[in-house]
Protein backbone atom coordinates (compact mmCIF):
# COMPACT_ATOMS: atom_id res chain seq x y z
CA MET A 1 -15.54 2.21 -0.55
CA THR A 2 -15.88 1.92 -4.33
CA LEU A 3 -14.49 -0.94 -6.40
CA GLN A 4 -12.13 1.54 -8.07
CA THR A 5 -10.79 2.74 -4.71
CA LEU A 6 -10.26 -0.85 -3.60
CA ALA A 7 -8.25 -1.52 -6.76
CA GLU A 8 -6.13 1.61 -6.37
CA ASP A 9 -5.45 0.86 -2.71
CA ALA A 10 -4.41 -2.71 -3.57
CA VAL A 11 -1.82 -1.43 -6.04
CA ALA A 12 -0.62 1.27 -3.63
CA ARG A 13 0.12 -1.28 -0.90
CA GLN A 14 1.72 -3.63 -3.48
CA ASP A 15 -0.73 -6.46 -3.07
CA VAL A 16 -0.65 -6.56 -6.88
CA PRO A 17 1.24 -4.54 -9.52
CA PHE A 18 -2.04 -4.00 -11.35
CA VAL A 19 -5.56 -5.39 -11.36
CA VAL A 20 -8.66 -5.46 -13.56
CA THR A 21 -11.89 -6.36 -11.76
CA MET A 22 -15.31 -6.74 -13.35
CA LEU A 23 -18.61 -7.67 -11.72
CA GLY A 24 -21.91 -8.58 -13.32
CA ASN A 25 -25.17 -10.50 -13.32
CA ALA A 26 -27.50 -12.05 -15.86
CA GLY A 27 -28.51 -8.60 -17.05
CA GLY A 28 -25.08 -7.12 -17.69
CA ILE A 29 -21.95 -5.61 -16.15
CA THR A 30 -22.65 -3.94 -12.81
CA ASP A 31 -19.23 -2.51 -11.92
CA SER A 32 -15.60 -2.53 -13.03
CA ALA A 33 -12.27 -1.14 -11.96
CA SER A 34 -8.70 -1.02 -13.24
CA ALA A 35 -5.57 0.20 -11.45
CA GLY A 36 -1.81 0.05 -11.89
CA ASP A 37 0.28 -0.48 -15.01
CA ALA A 38 -0.30 -3.70 -16.93
CA ALA A 39 3.06 -3.11 -18.62
CA GLU A 40 5.62 -0.33 -18.46
CA GLY A 41 3.95 2.93 -19.39
CA ARG A 42 0.63 1.20 -20.15
CA PRO A 43 -2.15 1.51 -17.56
CA ALA A 44 -4.38 -1.51 -16.94
CA SER A 45 -7.81 -1.26 -18.55
CA GLU A 46 -10.71 -3.34 -19.79
CA ASP A 47 -8.71 -3.81 -23.00
CA THR A 48 -5.81 -5.49 -21.17
CA ALA A 49 -5.14 -9.00 -22.49
CA PHE A 50 -4.25 -11.80 -20.07
CA ARG A 51 -2.69 -15.24 -20.23
CA ILE A 52 -5.61 -16.89 -18.49
CA PHE A 53 -4.01 -20.34 -18.13
CA SER A 54 -6.45 -22.52 -16.12
CA MET A 55 -9.39 -20.19 -16.70
CA THR A 56 -9.19 -22.03 -20.04
CA LYS A 57 -10.50 -25.15 -18.28
CA LEU A 58 -14.06 -23.83 -18.09
CA VAL A 59 -14.04 -23.29 -21.86
CA GLY A 60 -12.70 -26.79 -22.48
CA SER A 61 -15.27 -28.31 -20.16
CA LEU A 62 -18.11 -26.41 -21.83
CA ALA A 63 -16.92 -27.66 -25.22
CA ALA A 64 -17.40 -31.22 -23.96
CA MET A 65 -20.76 -30.32 -22.40
CA ILE A 66 -21.95 -29.01 -25.78
CA LEU A 67 -21.36 -32.50 -27.21
CA ILE A 68 -23.08 -34.12 -24.23
CA ASP A 69 -26.00 -31.73 -24.70
CA ARG A 70 -26.29 -32.87 -28.33
CA GLY A 71 -26.21 -36.54 -27.43
CA LYS A 72 -22.82 -37.16 -29.06
CA LEU A 73 -21.02 -37.89 -25.80
CA SER A 74 -21.94 -38.84 -22.24
CA MET A 75 -20.34 -38.34 -18.85
CA GLU A 76 -19.93 -42.11 -18.57
CA THR A 77 -18.17 -42.47 -21.93
CA GLU A 78 -14.89 -44.27 -21.29
CA VAL A 79 -11.94 -42.21 -22.42
CA ALA A 80 -10.24 -45.18 -24.09
CA SER A 81 -13.30 -45.76 -26.29
CA VAL A 82 -12.70 -42.35 -27.86
CA LEU A 83 -8.93 -42.04 -27.41
CA PRO A 84 -7.45 -45.54 -27.88
CA ASP A 85 -4.00 -44.37 -26.74
CA TRP A 86 -5.44 -43.95 -23.23
CA ASP A 87 -5.27 -47.75 -22.89
CA ALA A 88 -1.50 -47.43 -22.62
CA MET A 89 -1.75 -45.24 -19.50
CA GLN A 90 -0.12 -46.69 -16.38
CA VAL A 91 -0.38 -45.82 -12.68
CA LEU A 92 2.71 -44.81 -10.72
CA ASP A 93 2.80 -47.44 -7.96
CA GLY A 94 6.03 -46.49 -6.19
CA TRP A 95 9.75 -46.33 -6.81
CA ASP A 96 12.65 -48.76 -7.13
CA GLY A 97 15.43 -46.33 -6.32
CA ASP A 98 15.03 -43.63 -8.96
CA THR A 99 13.09 -45.90 -11.30
CA PRO A 100 9.32 -45.43 -11.34
CA ARG A 101 7.31 -48.60 -10.73
CA LEU A 102 4.21 -48.71 -12.94
CA ARG A 103 1.10 -50.89 -13.14
CA ALA A 104 -2.12 -51.03 -15.12
CA PRO A 105 -5.07 -48.97 -13.80
CA ARG A 106 -7.70 -50.90 -11.85
CA THR A 107 -10.56 -48.72 -13.11
CA ALA A 108 -11.54 -47.15 -16.42
CA ALA A 109 -11.38 -43.37 -16.81
CA THR A 110 -14.55 -41.61 -17.98
CA VAL A 111 -15.44 -38.18 -19.34
CA ARG A 112 -16.82 -37.34 -15.89
CA HIS A 113 -13.44 -38.20 -14.35
CA LEU A 114 -11.70 -35.85 -16.79
CA ALA A 115 -14.13 -33.00 -16.10
CA THR A 116 -13.73 -33.33 -12.32
CA HIS A 117 -9.97 -33.99 -12.12
CA ARG A 118 -10.41 -37.58 -10.97
CA SER A 119 -8.67 -39.21 -13.93
CA GLY A 120 -5.39 -39.79 -12.08
CA LEU A 121 -3.44 -37.07 -13.90
CA GLU A 122 -1.70 -34.49 -11.72
CA TYR A 123 0.53 -31.47 -12.30
CA GLU A 124 4.07 -31.55 -10.94
CA PHE A 125 3.49 -28.20 -9.21
CA TRP A 126 1.17 -29.84 -6.65
CA ASN A 127 2.31 -33.47 -6.58
CA ALA A 128 5.77 -34.42 -5.31
CA ASP A 129 5.75 -37.83 -7.02
CA MET A 130 4.92 -36.20 -10.33
CA MET A 131 7.79 -33.75 -9.88
CA ARG A 132 10.10 -36.65 -9.00
CA TYR A 133 8.96 -38.52 -12.12
CA LEU A 134 9.82 -35.59 -14.38
CA GLN A 135 13.23 -35.18 -12.75
CA ALA A 136 14.00 -38.92 -12.89
CA THR A 137 12.92 -39.47 -16.49
CA GLY A 138 13.66 -36.13 -18.15
CA ALA A 139 10.06 -35.94 -19.36
CA PRO A 140 8.95 -32.49 -20.58
CA PRO A 141 7.03 -30.17 -18.22
CA SER A 142 3.26 -30.58 -18.18
CA LEU A 143 2.70 -27.13 -19.73
CA SER A 144 5.16 -27.68 -22.59
CA GLY A 145 2.45 -28.14 -25.22
CA THR A 146 4.12 -31.32 -26.48
CA ARG A 147 2.49 -34.67 -27.18
CA ALA A 148 5.12 -36.24 -24.94
CA ALA A 149 3.59 -34.34 -22.01
CA LEU A 150 0.42 -36.40 -22.50
CA ASN A 151 2.23 -39.65 -21.71
CA TYR A 152 2.77 -39.19 -17.98
CA PRO A 153 1.67 -41.95 -15.63
CA LEU A 154 -1.46 -41.58 -13.55
CA MET A 155 -0.90 -40.79 -9.88
CA PHE A 156 -3.93 -42.83 -8.78
CA ASP A 157 -6.62 -45.05 -10.24
CA PRO A 158 -9.35 -43.14 -12.11
CA GLY A 159 -12.21 -42.17 -9.80
CA GLU A 160 -10.25 -42.79 -6.59
CA ARG A 161 -9.89 -39.14 -5.57
CA TRP A 162 -9.45 -35.56 -6.76
CA GLY A 163 -6.08 -34.56 -8.22
CA TYR A 164 -5.29 -31.49 -10.28
CA GLY A 165 -3.62 -32.00 -13.64
CA LEU A 166 -3.93 -32.37 -17.40
CA SER A 167 -7.43 -33.88 -17.37
CA THR A 168 -8.99 -30.97 -19.27
CA ASP A 169 -6.30 -31.24 -21.95
CA PHE A 170 -7.50 -34.79 -22.57
CA LEU A 171 -11.09 -33.55 -22.50
CA GLY A 172 -10.11 -31.30 -25.40
CA LEU A 173 -8.74 -34.32 -27.27
CA VAL A 174 -12.04 -36.10 -26.66
CA VAL A 175 -13.89 -33.13 -28.17
CA GLU A 176 -11.63 -33.29 -31.23
CA ALA A 177 -12.17 -37.03 -31.68
CA VAL A 178 -15.96 -36.87 -31.32
CA SER A 179 -16.57 -33.67 -33.29
CA GLY A 180 -14.08 -34.31 -36.08
CA GLN A 181 -12.79 -30.76 -35.69
CA SER A 182 -9.62 -29.40 -34.15
CA ILE A 183 -10.17 -27.97 -30.69
CA THR A 184 -9.34 -24.51 -32.00
CA GLU A 185 -12.02 -24.81 -34.68
CA PHE A 186 -14.63 -26.25 -32.33
CA VAL A 187 -14.13 -23.74 -29.53
CA THR A 188 -14.03 -20.81 -31.94
CA SER A 189 -17.15 -21.79 -33.87
CA GLU A 190 -19.23 -23.14 -30.95
CA ILE A 191 -18.27 -20.82 -28.07
CA LEU A 192 -16.11 -17.80 -28.87
CA GLU A 193 -17.82 -16.53 -32.02
CA PRO A 194 -21.43 -17.15 -30.88
CA LEU A 195 -20.73 -15.35 -27.58
CA GLY A 196 -18.95 -12.44 -29.25
CA MET A 197 -15.70 -13.21 -27.41
CA SER A 198 -13.66 -11.56 -30.15
CA ARG A 199 -10.68 -10.83 -27.90
CA THR A 200 -10.19 -14.40 -26.73
CA ALA A 201 -7.68 -16.44 -28.72
CA PHE A 202 -5.32 -19.40 -28.76
CA GLU A 203 -2.35 -17.22 -29.73
CA PRO A 204 -1.48 -13.64 -28.71
CA ASP A 205 -1.19 -12.44 -32.31
CA GLY A 206 -2.09 -8.76 -32.51
CA MET A 207 -2.18 -8.39 -28.71
CA GLU A 208 1.29 -6.88 -28.36
CA ASP A 209 -0.02 -3.45 -27.36
CA ARG A 210 -2.57 -4.91 -24.90
CA LEU A 211 -0.87 -7.95 -23.34
CA ALA A 212 0.01 -7.54 -19.68
CA GLN A 213 3.48 -8.18 -18.33
CA VAL A 214 3.98 -11.10 -15.95
CA LYS A 215 5.63 -10.30 -12.62
CA ALA A 216 6.75 -12.38 -9.66
CA ARG A 217 6.95 -11.41 -6.02
CA GLY A 218 10.57 -10.48 -5.28
CA GLU A 219 12.58 -11.05 -2.12
CA ASP A 220 12.05 -7.42 -1.11
CA GLY A 221 8.27 -7.83 -1.31
CA GLY A 222 7.94 -5.92 -4.57
CA PHE A 223 7.44 -7.32 -8.07
CA VAL A 224 10.01 -8.20 -10.74
CA PRO A 225 9.43 -9.15 -14.41
CA PHE A 226 8.98 -12.87 -15.03
CA ASP A 227 8.67 -14.82 -18.28
CA LEU A 228 5.74 -17.26 -18.36
CA SER A 229 3.29 -17.79 -21.22
CA PRO A 230 1.48 -20.73 -22.81
CA PRO A 231 3.80 -22.38 -25.37
CA PRO A 232 3.44 -20.69 -28.79
CA LYS A 233 2.19 -22.82 -31.70
CA PRO A 234 2.21 -26.00 -29.57
CA GLU A 235 1.86 -29.55 -30.83
CA VAL A 236 -1.30 -29.75 -28.72
CA TYR A 237 -3.46 -26.81 -27.65
CA GLY A 238 -4.14 -27.87 -24.08
CA MET A 239 -7.62 -26.84 -22.97
CA GLY A 240 -6.26 -26.64 -19.46
CA HIS A 241 -4.09 -23.61 -20.09
CA CYS A 242 -3.80 -22.28 -23.65
CA LEU A 243 -6.13 -19.27 -23.97
CA TYR A 244 -5.63 -15.51 -23.87
CA SER A 245 -8.59 -13.31 -22.97
CA THR A 246 -9.87 -10.08 -21.43
CA ALA A 247 -12.13 -9.34 -18.49
CA PRO A 248 -15.13 -8.25 -20.65
CA ASP A 249 -14.82 -11.33 -22.87
CA TYR A 250 -14.71 -13.78 -19.98
CA MET A 251 -17.66 -12.08 -18.34
CA ARG A 252 -19.72 -12.90 -21.42
CA LEU A 253 -18.99 -16.57 -20.80
CA LEU A 254 -19.98 -16.31 -17.13
CA ARG A 255 -23.12 -14.32 -17.86
CA MET A 256 -24.16 -16.98 -20.38
CA LEU A 257 -24.03 -19.51 -17.54
CA LEU A 258 -26.06 -17.26 -15.23
CA ARG A 259 -28.65 -16.92 -18.00
CA GLY A 260 -29.07 -20.69 -18.32
CA GLY A 261 -26.97 -21.17 -21.46
CA GLU A 262 -28.03 -18.16 -23.55
CA LEU A 263 -26.63 -14.68 -24.14
CA ASP A 264 -27.99 -11.91 -26.37
CA GLY A 265 -30.40 -14.32 -28.03
CA THR A 266 -27.77 -16.95 -28.84
CA ARG A 267 -28.08 -20.29 -27.05
CA ILE A 268 -24.88 -22.21 -26.34
CA LEU A 269 -26.25 -24.85 -23.95
CA SER A 270 -29.66 -26.05 -22.83
CA GLU A 271 -30.76 -25.08 -19.33
CA GLY A 272 -30.47 -28.72 -18.32
CA ALA A 273 -26.86 -28.83 -19.49
CA VAL A 274 -26.05 -25.71 -17.45
CA ASP A 275 -27.63 -27.41 -14.44
CA GLN A 276 -25.12 -30.23 -14.94
CA VAL A 277 -22.23 -27.76 -15.13
CA PHE A 278 -23.20 -26.48 -11.65
CA ALA A 279 -24.07 -29.91 -10.21
CA ASP A 280 -21.86 -31.92 -7.87
CA GLN A 281 -20.18 -34.40 -10.25
CA MET A 282 -17.76 -35.92 -7.74
CA GLU A 283 -19.78 -39.04 -6.83
CA GLY A 284 -19.09 -38.66 -3.12
CA LYS A 285 -15.48 -37.48 -3.39
CA ARG A 286 -14.31 -34.01 -2.32
CA PHE A 287 -11.75 -31.42 -3.37
CA GLU A 288 -8.39 -32.06 -1.71
CA ARG A 289 -6.01 -29.33 -0.57
CA MET A 290 -3.33 -28.70 -3.18
CA VAL A 291 0.11 -28.78 -1.54
CA ALA A 292 2.62 -26.80 -3.59
CA THR A 293 5.95 -28.35 -4.61
CA VAL A 294 7.41 -25.11 -6.04
CA PRO A 295 6.67 -22.17 -3.70
CA ALA A 296 7.81 -19.67 -6.33
CA VAL A 297 4.98 -20.89 -8.57
CA SER A 298 2.18 -21.45 -6.06
CA ALA A 299 1.26 -21.35 -2.42
CA ASP A 300 -0.87 -24.21 -1.09
CA VAL A 301 -4.42 -24.03 -2.45
CA ASP A 302 -7.37 -24.44 -0.07
CA PRO A 303 -9.93 -21.85 -1.18
CA PHE A 304 -12.91 -22.34 1.13
CA PRO A 305 -13.50 -22.56 4.87
CA GLY A 306 -15.64 -25.68 4.41
CA ALA A 307 -15.59 -28.70 2.13
CA ALA A 308 -15.66 -28.18 -1.62
CA THR A 309 -16.73 -30.35 -4.51
CA HIS A 310 -16.46 -30.08 -8.29
CA GLY A 311 -18.96 -29.47 -11.05
CA PHE A 312 -18.47 -29.96 -14.78
CA GLY A 313 -15.85 -27.26 -15.21
CA GLY A 314 -15.11 -25.70 -11.84
CA LEU A 315 -14.87 -25.99 -8.09
CA ILE A 316 -18.06 -25.62 -6.01
CA ASN A 317 -18.24 -24.39 -2.42
CA ILE A 318 -20.68 -26.41 -0.31
CA GLU A 319 -21.25 -23.70 2.30
CA ASP A 320 -22.05 -19.99 2.01
CA VAL A 321 -19.00 -17.73 2.32
CA ASP A 322 -19.58 -15.05 4.96
CA GLY A 323 -20.21 -11.78 3.14
CA GLY A 324 -19.66 -13.44 -0.22
CA ARG A 325 -20.67 -16.21 -2.59
CA ARG A 326 -23.52 -18.59 -1.88
CA ALA A 327 -23.23 -22.34 -1.63
CA GLY A 328 -23.22 -23.87 -5.09
CA THR A 329 -21.07 -21.18 -6.71
CA LEU A 330 -18.83 -22.35 -9.54
CA THR A 331 -15.26 -21.00 -9.57
CA TRP A 332 -11.68 -21.50 -10.67
CA ALA A 333 -8.58 -19.56 -11.64
CA GLY A 334 -5.41 -19.30 -13.70
CA VAL A 335 -1.94 -19.72 -12.23
CA LEU A 336 -1.06 -16.06 -12.88
CA ASN A 337 -3.85 -15.03 -10.50
CA THR A 338 -6.74 -14.57 -12.87
CA HIS A 339 -9.84 -15.71 -10.94
CA TRP A 340 -13.55 -16.03 -11.72
CA TRP A 341 -16.79 -17.06 -10.03
CA ALA A 342 -20.40 -17.55 -11.09
CA ASP A 343 -23.12 -17.61 -8.41
CA ARG A 344 -26.55 -18.57 -9.75
CA SER A 345 -28.27 -18.26 -6.36
CA ALA A 346 -27.29 -14.61 -5.94
CA ASP A 347 -27.20 -13.83 -9.69
CA LYS A 348 -23.63 -12.56 -9.48
CA CYS A 349 -20.41 -13.25 -11.32
CA GLY A 350 -17.01 -11.66 -11.43
CA VAL A 351 -13.39 -11.75 -12.50
CA VAL A 352 -10.38 -10.39 -10.60
CA MET A 353 -7.35 -10.47 -12.88
CA THR A 354 -3.65 -9.69 -12.71
CA GLN A 355 -0.50 -11.50 -13.95
CA THR A 356 1.59 -12.50 -10.96
CA LEU A 357 3.29 -15.39 -9.22
CA PRO A 358 3.06 -17.14 -6.84
CA PHE A 359 -0.49 -18.35 -7.38
CA VAL A 360 -2.88 -17.56 -4.48
CA GLU A 361 -0.26 -15.64 -2.53
CA PRO A 362 -1.65 -13.55 0.36
CA GLY A 363 -1.47 -10.17 -1.37
CA TYR A 364 -3.58 -11.29 -4.30
CA LEU A 365 -6.05 -13.18 -2.10
CA ARG A 366 -6.69 -9.97 -0.14
CA VAL A 367 -7.59 -8.16 -3.38
CA TYR A 368 -9.88 -11.00 -4.46
CA ALA A 369 -11.66 -11.11 -1.10
CA GLU A 370 -12.24 -7.35 -1.12
CA ALA A 371 -13.70 -7.46 -4.63
CA GLU A 372 -16.01 -10.31 -3.70
CA ARG A 373 -17.24 -8.53 -0.57
CA ALA A 374 -17.88 -5.42 -2.67
CA ALA A 375 -19.92 -7.48 -5.12
CA TYR A 376 -22.18 -8.86 -2.40
CA ALA A 377 -22.48 -5.59 -0.51
CA ALA A 378 -23.93 -3.88 -3.58
């Protein structure tokens, strides 16, 4: 069965309202498919623009790795040495009624902790205490784009475990402080422009005729329109969620990684730096299952049959996936079900993109699994 047929069948059985899938290797794009309407009266295509949310995290992590590669930053750099405000961060240590009980962290957060989600920061969507904190204090949501959203307490001491949150947003602030440029300037000049990612941007300006519509799974099993986008013109462009992109653009980023840091004659990272991106950076810790607090936003997240670890910018499966990616593959996703993977062992990469909630719901996961199997059967 062709990739195109798989995409069309997925839309027909309402696994997704639409999908754009693209597969490739170090040499180029090997297959692609689009099916369904990305918006009313507008078929999905390679030109479709997506709110990629946490697919942004790879870009933010690579921005930091560029500085590490140039000797301007290290994985062991303490965050507070670059961002003095970090010293004010406290750890949530329990509750006195509805009042959060806070204490000073017992360990210092490092750049490595930020890149591997071990800083102590967690999103409210997968941490009940974080959700309770927001409700008790009236603090703004984590994806609000406000500076106030950077003042949440840590949920654990840095380095203690894995926890998914705003760590990459702080990594972006580190890049700004060390480079002397805004994160928009740095990412544009050091990653997007050199890679020819001309349809990736911090704002959706000019994308009106290409931007996909967000939909949520309705009670009847179909899809209904839903309003969710990164905050426009935010106080802080969070490198955990702020970018818009297309399938072909993001594939250029992944193919650069498969090629050891270079694409079309332009080098972004040294081969050694790319090795570090794909290396286990968790210092003995492991990925922990993400238990959803808002089922309408996300199902529980547990992507692999075996244990998983984290590199410098993505999750890494420790075991081969039957009929799919090899051990050591780097991967992550955006909350609207835009997913990517890069497998150096098999020289394969891919994106499977739609714009739906909940995250990792069964219908979407079936589409993703079929696309991956097609990639490895080729």
